[in-house]
Structure formats: structure tokens, C-alpha cells
Amino acid sequence: MFCKRRISAVAATLLGIGLTLPVEARAFELTGAWASQADLCKMVFTNKGKQIVFAELSDLFGSGFIIDGKRIKGRSTQCTIKSRKQNGDALELSASCASSIMTSNVNFSLKVKDEDNIVRQFPGMDGMALQYSRCSL
């Protein structure tokens, strides 16, 4: 009898603690290939072995980028994400980027529409936004 009460008390305590702890928000997963138009994914990207790369004439069909962990790869630029901050559907990235000409620090302001669609916003430039869709290749 004593054992049943003790187990019940422990279970009730654990349940109470579980209900009062804040629920951790899941970070949005950016890894993948992103194109400016979902229906052009196969013209912007291609598979090379197990890796997704830009198709030979991809710049004729739209823009895009590939994210793998902390790396962002564009057609002519590569970036390393230095910091990431998510607040609801807003995602702020700070990255160090390099092209064949120069290096720079770039801030990306993204709005998550859903699991496969994001919008890059340009603060201070009202109406300027670029939508990207995740490609499944």
C-alpha cells in the first residue's frame, strides 16, 4: 500500500513539473536546396552523386541557394552562418560571405511561410521581398 501511494505521488509530481515547463520551440530546418520558383527546381539544381549542385545553366531559369548545416552556397558566393535567431516565424541570420572578388558580412531576414517556403525580406526596402521554395530532388 505504501509503495502504491509513493509511486502515485512521484507520478503526480513529475506530471505537474512536465506541465509547468515551457515548451521548447523547434528551430526551423533550413538544410536543402531552395529555388525562386518551385516548378523550376530541376532546372536550377541537379544531383551529382549524393550531393545537390547547381545545374550548368541554372542562372537562366531563376535563382537559388543550397544550405548544408552552417554553409550557404549560391551560384557565385559561399557563406558561413555565424549566428541564427528565431522568433516565431521570423528568422535572422548573420553570415560571413565570400565571392571570387570580395568578402563581406551579410544579414538575412527570413519569414517562414511553411515548412517548404520562406521569404527573404530586406529591412528598410518596403515591398522588396524574394520568395524561395524548398526543392525535393
N, C-alpha and C. Protein backbone atom coordinates (compact mmCIF):
# COMPACT_ATOMS: atom_id res chain seq x y z
N MET A 1 0.82 -1.19 0.00
CA MET A 1 0.00 0.00 0.00
C MET A 1 0.87 1.25 0.00
N PHE A 2 1.90 1.24 0.86
CA PHE A 2 2.80 2.39 0.95
C PHE A 2 3.49 2.64 -0.39
N CYS A 3 3.86 1.56 -1.06
CA CYS A 3 4.54 1.64 -2.36
C CYS A 3 3.64 2.28 -3.42
N LYS A 4 2.35 1.93 -3.43
CA LYS A 4 1.42 2.47 -4.42
C LYS A 4 1.24 3.97 -4.22
N ARG A 5 1.14 4.40 -2.96
CA ARG A 5 1.00 5.84 -2.67
C ARG A 5 2.24 6.59 -3.10
N ARG A 6 3.38 6.00 -2.83
CA ARG A 6 4.65 6.66 -3.18
C ARG A 6 4.79 6.80 -4.70
N ILE A 7 4.45 5.74 -5.42
CA ILE A 7 4.51 5.79 -6.88
C ILE A 7 3.52 6.81 -7.41
N SER A 8 2.33 6.86 -6.85
CA SER A 8 1.32 7.83 -7.28
C SER A 8 1.79 9.25 -7.02
N ALA A 9 2.40 9.49 -5.87
CA ALA A 9 2.89 10.82 -5.53
C ALA A 9 4.01 11.25 -6.47
N VAL A 10 4.93 10.33 -6.76
CA VAL A 10 6.03 10.64 -7.69
C VAL A 10 5.48 10.92 -9.08
N ALA A 11 4.54 10.10 -9.54
CA ALA A 11 3.95 10.28 -10.86
C ALA A 11 3.24 11.64 -10.96
N ALA A 12 2.48 11.99 -9.91
CA ALA A 12 1.77 13.27 -9.90
C ALA A 12 2.75 14.44 -9.91
N THR A 13 3.83 14.32 -9.16
CA THR A 13 4.85 15.37 -9.13
C THR A 13 5.49 15.54 -10.49
N LEU A 14 5.88 14.44 -11.13
CA LEU A 14 6.50 14.51 -12.45
C LEU A 14 5.55 15.09 -13.49
N LEU A 15 4.29 14.71 -13.42
CA LEU A 15 3.30 15.24 -14.34
C LEU A 15 3.15 16.75 -14.14
N GLY A 16 3.09 17.19 -12.89
CA GLY A 16 2.99 18.61 -12.60
C GLY A 16 4.18 19.40 -13.11
N ILE A 17 5.37 18.85 -12.93
CA ILE A 17 6.58 19.52 -13.43
C ILE A 17 6.53 19.58 -14.95
N GLY A 18 6.14 18.49 -15.57
CA GLY A 18 6.07 18.45 -17.04
C GLY A 18 5.11 19.46 -17.61
N LEU A 19 4.00 19.69 -16.93
CA LEU A 19 3.01 20.65 -17.42
C LEU A 19 3.44 22.09 -17.21
N THR A 20 4.29 22.35 -16.24
CA THR A 20 4.69 23.72 -15.96
C THR A 20 5.95 24.15 -16.71
N LEU A 21 6.69 23.20 -17.26
CA LEU A 21 7.89 23.57 -18.01
C LEU A 21 7.49 24.19 -19.34
N PRO A 22 8.21 25.21 -19.78
CA PRO A 22 7.88 25.81 -21.07
C PRO A 22 8.19 24.83 -22.20
N VAL A 23 7.36 24.86 -23.22
CA VAL A 23 7.58 24.01 -24.37
C VAL A 23 8.63 24.67 -25.25
N GLU A 24 9.66 23.92 -25.58
CA GLU A 24 10.73 24.46 -26.40
C GLU A 24 10.28 24.52 -27.85
N ALA A 25 10.42 25.69 -28.46
CA ALA A 25 10.06 25.84 -29.87
C ALA A 25 11.10 25.15 -30.73
N ARG A 26 10.63 24.45 -31.73
CA ARG A 26 11.53 23.74 -32.63
C ARG A 26 12.09 24.73 -33.64
N ALA A 27 13.39 24.71 -33.81
CA ALA A 27 14.04 25.60 -34.76
C ALA A 27 13.71 25.15 -36.17
N PHE A 28 13.49 26.10 -37.05
CA PHE A 28 13.17 25.82 -38.44
C PHE A 28 14.40 25.24 -39.13
N GLU A 29 14.22 24.17 -39.84
CA GLU A 29 15.32 23.49 -40.53
C GLU A 29 15.48 24.06 -41.94
N LEU A 30 16.61 24.70 -42.20
CA LEU A 30 16.87 25.32 -43.49
C LEU A 30 17.61 24.42 -44.48
N THR A 31 18.18 23.34 -44.02
CA THR A 31 19.01 22.50 -44.87
C THR A 31 18.24 22.06 -46.11
N GLY A 32 18.88 22.22 -47.27
CA GLY A 32 18.28 21.80 -48.53
C GLY A 32 18.57 22.79 -49.64
N ALA A 33 18.00 22.52 -50.80
CA ALA A 33 18.13 23.39 -51.96
C ALA A 33 16.86 24.24 -52.05
N TRP A 34 17.04 25.53 -52.28
CA TRP A 34 15.94 26.48 -52.32
C TRP A 34 15.97 27.23 -53.65
N ALA A 35 14.86 27.25 -54.36
CA ALA A 35 14.77 27.93 -55.65
C ALA A 35 13.72 29.02 -55.61
N SER A 36 13.89 30.01 -56.49
CA SER A 36 12.95 31.12 -56.53
C SER A 36 11.58 30.70 -57.07
N GLN A 37 11.52 29.57 -57.77
CA GLN A 37 10.25 29.03 -58.24
C GLN A 37 10.30 27.51 -58.11
N ALA A 38 9.35 26.96 -57.39
CA ALA A 38 9.35 25.52 -57.11
C ALA A 38 9.30 24.68 -58.38
N ASP A 39 8.57 25.14 -59.39
CA ASP A 39 8.44 24.35 -60.61
C ASP A 39 9.70 24.35 -61.48
N LEU A 40 10.70 25.16 -61.12
CA LEU A 40 11.96 25.19 -61.87
C LEU A 40 13.12 24.52 -61.13
N CYS A 41 12.83 23.84 -60.04
CA CYS A 41 13.88 23.23 -59.23
C CYS A 41 14.82 22.35 -60.05
N LYS A 42 14.27 21.53 -60.93
CA LYS A 42 15.11 20.60 -61.69
C LYS A 42 15.95 21.30 -62.75
N MET A 43 15.64 22.57 -63.04
CA MET A 43 16.46 23.33 -63.98
C MET A 43 17.53 24.15 -63.25
N VAL A 44 17.29 24.41 -61.97
CA VAL A 44 18.25 25.18 -61.17
C VAL A 44 19.26 24.26 -60.49
N PHE A 45 18.81 23.08 -60.06
CA PHE A 45 19.67 22.14 -59.32
C PHE A 45 19.71 20.79 -60.00
N THR A 46 20.76 20.05 -59.70
CA THR A 46 20.88 18.68 -60.17
C THR A 46 21.63 17.87 -59.12
N ASN A 47 21.54 16.58 -59.22
CA ASN A 47 22.27 15.70 -58.31
C ASN A 47 23.59 15.30 -58.94
N LYS A 48 24.63 15.36 -58.15
CA LYS A 48 25.95 14.90 -58.57
C LYS A 48 26.39 13.90 -57.50
N GLY A 49 26.16 12.62 -57.77
CA GLY A 49 26.37 11.61 -56.74
C GLY A 49 25.31 11.80 -55.68
N LYS A 50 25.74 11.93 -54.42
CA LYS A 50 24.81 12.15 -53.30
C LYS A 50 24.65 13.63 -52.96
N GLN A 51 25.22 14.49 -53.79
CA GLN A 51 25.27 15.92 -53.49
C GLN A 51 24.37 16.69 -54.46
N ILE A 52 23.71 17.73 -53.96
CA ILE A 52 22.93 18.63 -54.80
C ILE A 52 23.85 19.78 -55.21
N VAL A 53 23.88 20.08 -56.51
CA VAL A 53 24.70 21.16 -57.05
C VAL A 53 23.86 21.99 -58.02
N PHE A 54 24.40 23.13 -58.41
CA PHE A 54 23.71 23.97 -59.39
C PHE A 54 23.82 23.33 -60.77
N ALA A 55 22.73 23.35 -61.52
CA ALA A 55 22.73 22.86 -62.89
C ALA A 55 23.59 23.79 -63.74
N GLU A 56 24.07 23.28 -64.85
CA GLU A 56 25.01 24.03 -65.69
C GLU A 56 24.50 25.40 -66.10
N LEU A 57 23.27 25.52 -66.52
CA LEU A 57 22.72 26.81 -66.94
C LEU A 57 21.65 27.31 -65.98
N SER A 58 21.84 27.06 -64.71
CA SER A 58 20.82 27.37 -63.70
C SER A 58 20.44 28.85 -63.66
N ASP A 59 21.39 29.73 -63.90
CA ASP A 59 21.09 31.16 -63.81
C ASP A 59 20.11 31.63 -64.89
N LEU A 60 19.86 30.83 -65.91
CA LEU A 60 18.87 31.17 -66.93
C LEU A 60 17.44 30.91 -66.46
N PHE A 61 17.29 30.10 -65.43
CA PHE A 61 15.96 29.67 -65.01
C PHE A 61 15.51 30.22 -63.66
N GLY A 62 16.34 30.95 -62.99
CA GLY A 62 15.96 31.51 -61.70
C GLY A 62 17.12 31.46 -60.73
N SER A 63 16.88 31.98 -59.55
CA SER A 63 17.93 32.00 -58.54
C SER A 63 17.66 30.93 -57.50
N GLY A 64 18.68 30.67 -56.71
CA GLY A 64 18.53 29.69 -55.66
C GLY A 64 19.78 29.62 -54.81
N PHE A 65 19.70 28.81 -53.78
CA PHE A 65 20.85 28.59 -52.91
C PHE A 65 20.71 27.23 -52.26
N ILE A 66 21.83 26.73 -51.75
CA ILE A 66 21.87 25.44 -51.09
C ILE A 66 22.38 25.65 -49.67
N ILE A 67 21.66 25.13 -48.69
CA ILE A 67 22.10 25.24 -47.31
C ILE A 67 22.42 23.84 -46.79
N ASP A 68 23.60 23.71 -46.24
CA ASP A 68 24.04 22.45 -45.65
C ASP A 68 24.67 22.79 -44.31
N GLY A 69 23.90 22.60 -43.24
CA GLY A 69 24.38 22.96 -41.90
C GLY A 69 24.57 24.46 -41.78
N LYS A 70 25.80 24.89 -41.55
CA LYS A 70 26.10 26.32 -41.41
C LYS A 70 26.60 26.95 -42.71
N ARG A 71 26.56 26.20 -43.79
CA ARG A 71 27.05 26.69 -45.08
C ARG A 71 25.89 27.04 -46.01
N ILE A 72 26.00 28.21 -46.63
CA ILE A 72 25.06 28.64 -47.66
C ILE A 72 25.86 28.79 -48.95
N LYS A 73 25.40 28.13 -49.99
CA LYS A 73 26.12 28.19 -51.26
C LYS A 73 25.20 28.77 -52.33
N GLY A 74 25.63 29.89 -52.90
CA GLY A 74 24.94 30.47 -54.03
C GLY A 74 25.72 30.12 -55.29
N ARG A 75 25.23 30.60 -56.42
CA ARG A 75 25.91 30.30 -57.69
C ARG A 75 27.35 30.84 -57.69
N SER A 76 27.56 32.02 -57.12
CA SER A 76 28.91 32.61 -57.14
C SER A 76 29.41 33.04 -55.76
N THR A 77 28.67 32.73 -54.73
CA THR A 77 29.03 33.15 -53.37
C THR A 77 28.85 31.99 -52.40
N GLN A 78 29.74 31.93 -51.42
CA GLN A 78 29.59 30.95 -50.34
C GLN A 78 29.62 31.68 -49.02
N CYS A 79 28.72 31.29 -48.12
CA CYS A 79 28.62 31.94 -46.82
C CYS A 79 28.70 30.91 -45.70
N THR A 80 29.14 31.37 -44.55
CA THR A 80 29.12 30.58 -43.33
C THR A 80 28.25 31.32 -42.32
N ILE A 81 27.23 30.64 -41.82
CA ILE A 81 26.33 31.26 -40.85
C ILE A 81 27.05 31.40 -39.52
N LYS A 82 27.13 32.64 -39.03
CA LYS A 82 27.79 32.92 -37.75
C LYS A 82 26.80 32.89 -36.59
N SER A 83 25.59 33.39 -36.84
CA SER A 83 24.57 33.37 -35.79
C SER A 83 23.20 33.23 -36.42
N ARG A 84 22.29 32.74 -35.58
CA ARG A 84 20.93 32.47 -36.03
C ARG A 84 19.99 32.79 -34.88
N LYS A 85 18.93 33.55 -35.15
CA LYS A 85 17.96 33.89 -34.11
C LYS A 85 16.57 33.74 -34.70
N GLN A 86 15.76 32.91 -34.03
CA GLN A 86 14.40 32.69 -34.50
C GLN A 86 13.42 33.21 -33.47
N ASN A 87 12.45 33.98 -33.94
CA ASN A 87 11.39 34.50 -33.09
C ASN A 87 10.07 34.26 -33.83
N GLY A 88 9.39 33.20 -33.47
CA GLY A 88 8.16 32.84 -34.18
C GLY A 88 8.48 32.45 -35.61
N ASP A 89 7.84 33.13 -36.58
CA ASP A 89 8.10 32.83 -37.98
C ASP A 89 9.20 33.71 -38.58
N ALA A 90 9.82 34.55 -37.76
CA ALA A 90 10.92 35.41 -38.23
C ALA A 90 12.26 34.75 -37.90
N LEU A 91 13.13 34.72 -38.87
CA LEU A 91 14.44 34.09 -38.72
C LEU A 91 15.51 35.07 -39.19
N GLU A 92 16.42 35.41 -38.30
CA GLU A 92 17.51 36.33 -38.62
C GLU A 92 18.82 35.54 -38.65
N LEU A 93 19.54 35.67 -39.76
CA LEU A 93 20.83 35.01 -39.91
C LEU A 93 21.90 36.06 -40.13
N SER A 94 23.05 35.86 -39.53
CA SER A 94 24.22 36.68 -39.78
C SER A 94 25.26 35.74 -40.36
N ALA A 95 25.83 36.12 -41.51
CA ALA A 95 26.75 35.22 -42.19
C ALA A 95 27.96 35.97 -42.72
N SER A 96 29.05 35.25 -42.82
CA SER A 96 30.27 35.75 -43.44
C SER A 96 30.31 35.15 -44.83
N CYS A 97 30.34 36.01 -45.85
CA CYS A 97 30.23 35.54 -47.23
C CYS A 97 31.47 35.90 -48.04
N ALA A 98 31.76 35.06 -49.01
CA ALA A 98 32.92 35.29 -49.88
C ALA A 98 32.56 34.93 -51.32
N SER A 99 33.00 35.80 -52.22
CA SER A 99 32.90 35.52 -53.66
C SER A 99 34.32 35.55 -54.21
N SER A 100 34.47 35.42 -55.49
CA SER A 100 35.81 35.48 -56.07
C SER A 100 36.40 36.88 -56.01
N ILE A 101 35.56 37.87 -55.71
CA ILE A 101 36.01 39.26 -55.69
C ILE A 101 36.23 39.81 -54.29
N MET A 102 35.34 39.48 -53.35
CA MET A 102 35.41 40.09 -52.02
C MET A 102 34.77 39.23 -50.95
N THR A 103 34.97 39.65 -49.70
CA THR A 103 34.29 39.03 -48.56
C THR A 103 33.45 40.10 -47.89
N SER A 104 32.38 39.67 -47.23
CA SER A 104 31.52 40.63 -46.54
C SER A 104 30.68 39.91 -45.50
N ASN A 105 30.15 40.68 -44.58
CA ASN A 105 29.20 40.17 -43.60
C ASN A 105 27.81 40.53 -44.08
N VAL A 106 26.92 39.56 -44.09
CA VAL A 106 25.58 39.75 -44.62
C VAL A 106 24.56 39.31 -43.58
N ASN A 107 23.52 40.10 -43.42
CA ASN A 107 22.40 39.73 -42.55
C ASN A 107 21.23 39.33 -43.41
N PHE A 108 20.64 38.18 -43.11
CA PHE A 108 19.48 37.69 -43.84
C PHE A 108 18.28 37.75 -42.92
N SER A 109 17.21 38.35 -43.39
CA SER A 109 15.96 38.41 -42.65
C SER A 109 14.95 37.55 -43.40
N LEU A 110 14.57 36.43 -42.79
CA LEU A 110 13.68 35.48 -43.44
C LEU A 110 12.36 35.37 -42.69
N LYS A 111 11.30 35.18 -43.43
CA LYS A 111 9.99 34.90 -42.83
C LYS A 111 9.61 33.50 -43.29
N VAL A 112 9.32 32.64 -42.34
CA VAL A 112 8.93 31.26 -42.64
C VAL A 112 7.43 31.23 -42.93
N LYS A 113 7.08 30.86 -44.16
CA LYS A 113 5.67 30.73 -44.52
C LYS A 113 5.14 29.37 -44.13
N ASP A 114 5.90 28.34 -44.44
CA ASP A 114 5.59 26.97 -44.03
C ASP A 114 6.88 26.16 -44.16
N GLU A 115 6.81 24.87 -43.99
CA GLU A 115 8.00 24.01 -43.95
C GLU A 115 8.84 24.09 -45.22
N ASP A 116 8.21 24.42 -46.35
CA ASP A 116 8.92 24.42 -47.63
C ASP A 116 8.94 25.77 -48.34
N ASN A 117 8.56 26.83 -47.67
CA ASN A 117 8.53 28.15 -48.30
C ASN A 117 8.99 29.22 -47.32
N ILE A 118 9.92 30.04 -47.79
CA ILE A 118 10.41 31.17 -47.00
C ILE A 118 10.42 32.42 -47.86
N VAL A 119 10.45 33.56 -47.20
CA VAL A 119 10.53 34.83 -47.90
C VAL A 119 11.71 35.59 -47.33
N ARG A 120 12.63 36.02 -48.21
CA ARG A 120 13.72 36.87 -47.76
C ARG A 120 13.25 38.31 -47.85
N GLN A 121 13.31 38.98 -46.71
CA GLN A 121 12.88 40.37 -46.63
C GLN A 121 14.11 41.27 -46.54
N PHE A 122 13.96 42.48 -47.00
CA PHE A 122 15.04 43.45 -46.99
C PHE A 122 14.60 44.64 -46.15
N PRO A 123 14.97 44.65 -44.84
CA PRO A 123 14.56 45.74 -43.96
C PRO A 123 14.97 47.10 -44.54
N GLY A 124 14.06 48.07 -44.45
CA GLY A 124 14.33 49.40 -44.97
C GLY A 124 13.98 49.54 -46.44
N MET A 125 13.61 48.46 -47.08
CA MET A 125 13.23 48.49 -48.50
C MET A 125 11.81 47.94 -48.62
N ASP A 126 10.84 48.78 -48.31
CA ASP A 126 9.44 48.36 -48.31
C ASP A 126 9.06 47.74 -49.65
N GLY A 127 8.37 46.62 -49.58
CA GLY A 127 7.90 45.95 -50.78
C GLY A 127 8.93 45.04 -51.43
N MET A 128 10.17 45.08 -50.96
CA MET A 128 11.22 44.23 -51.55
C MET A 128 11.28 42.92 -50.78
N ALA A 129 10.95 41.83 -51.46
CA ALA A 129 10.97 40.51 -50.84
C ALA A 129 11.14 39.47 -51.94
N LEU A 130 11.84 38.40 -51.62
CA LEU A 130 12.05 37.31 -52.57
C LEU A 130 11.58 36.01 -51.92
N GLN A 131 10.72 35.29 -52.62
CA GLN A 131 10.20 34.03 -52.10
C GLN A 131 11.04 32.88 -52.63
N TYR A 132 11.28 31.88 -51.77
CA TYR A 132 12.02 30.69 -52.15
C TYR A 132 11.25 29.46 -51.67
N SER A 133 11.32 28.42 -52.49
CA SER A 133 10.68 27.15 -52.15
C SER A 133 11.74 26.06 -52.06
N ARG A 134 11.54 25.17 -51.09
CA ARG A 134 12.47 24.04 -50.92
C ARG A 134 12.26 23.05 -52.07
N CYS A 135 13.35 22.61 -52.65
CA CYS A 135 13.28 21.66 -53.75
C CYS A 135 13.47 20.24 -53.22
N SER A 136 12.71 19.31 -53.78
CA SER A 136 12.91 17.91 -53.45
C SER A 136 13.43 17.23 -54.71
N LEU A 137 14.68 16.89 -54.67
CA LEU A 137 15.31 16.27 -55.85
C LEU A 137 15.59 14.81 -55.61
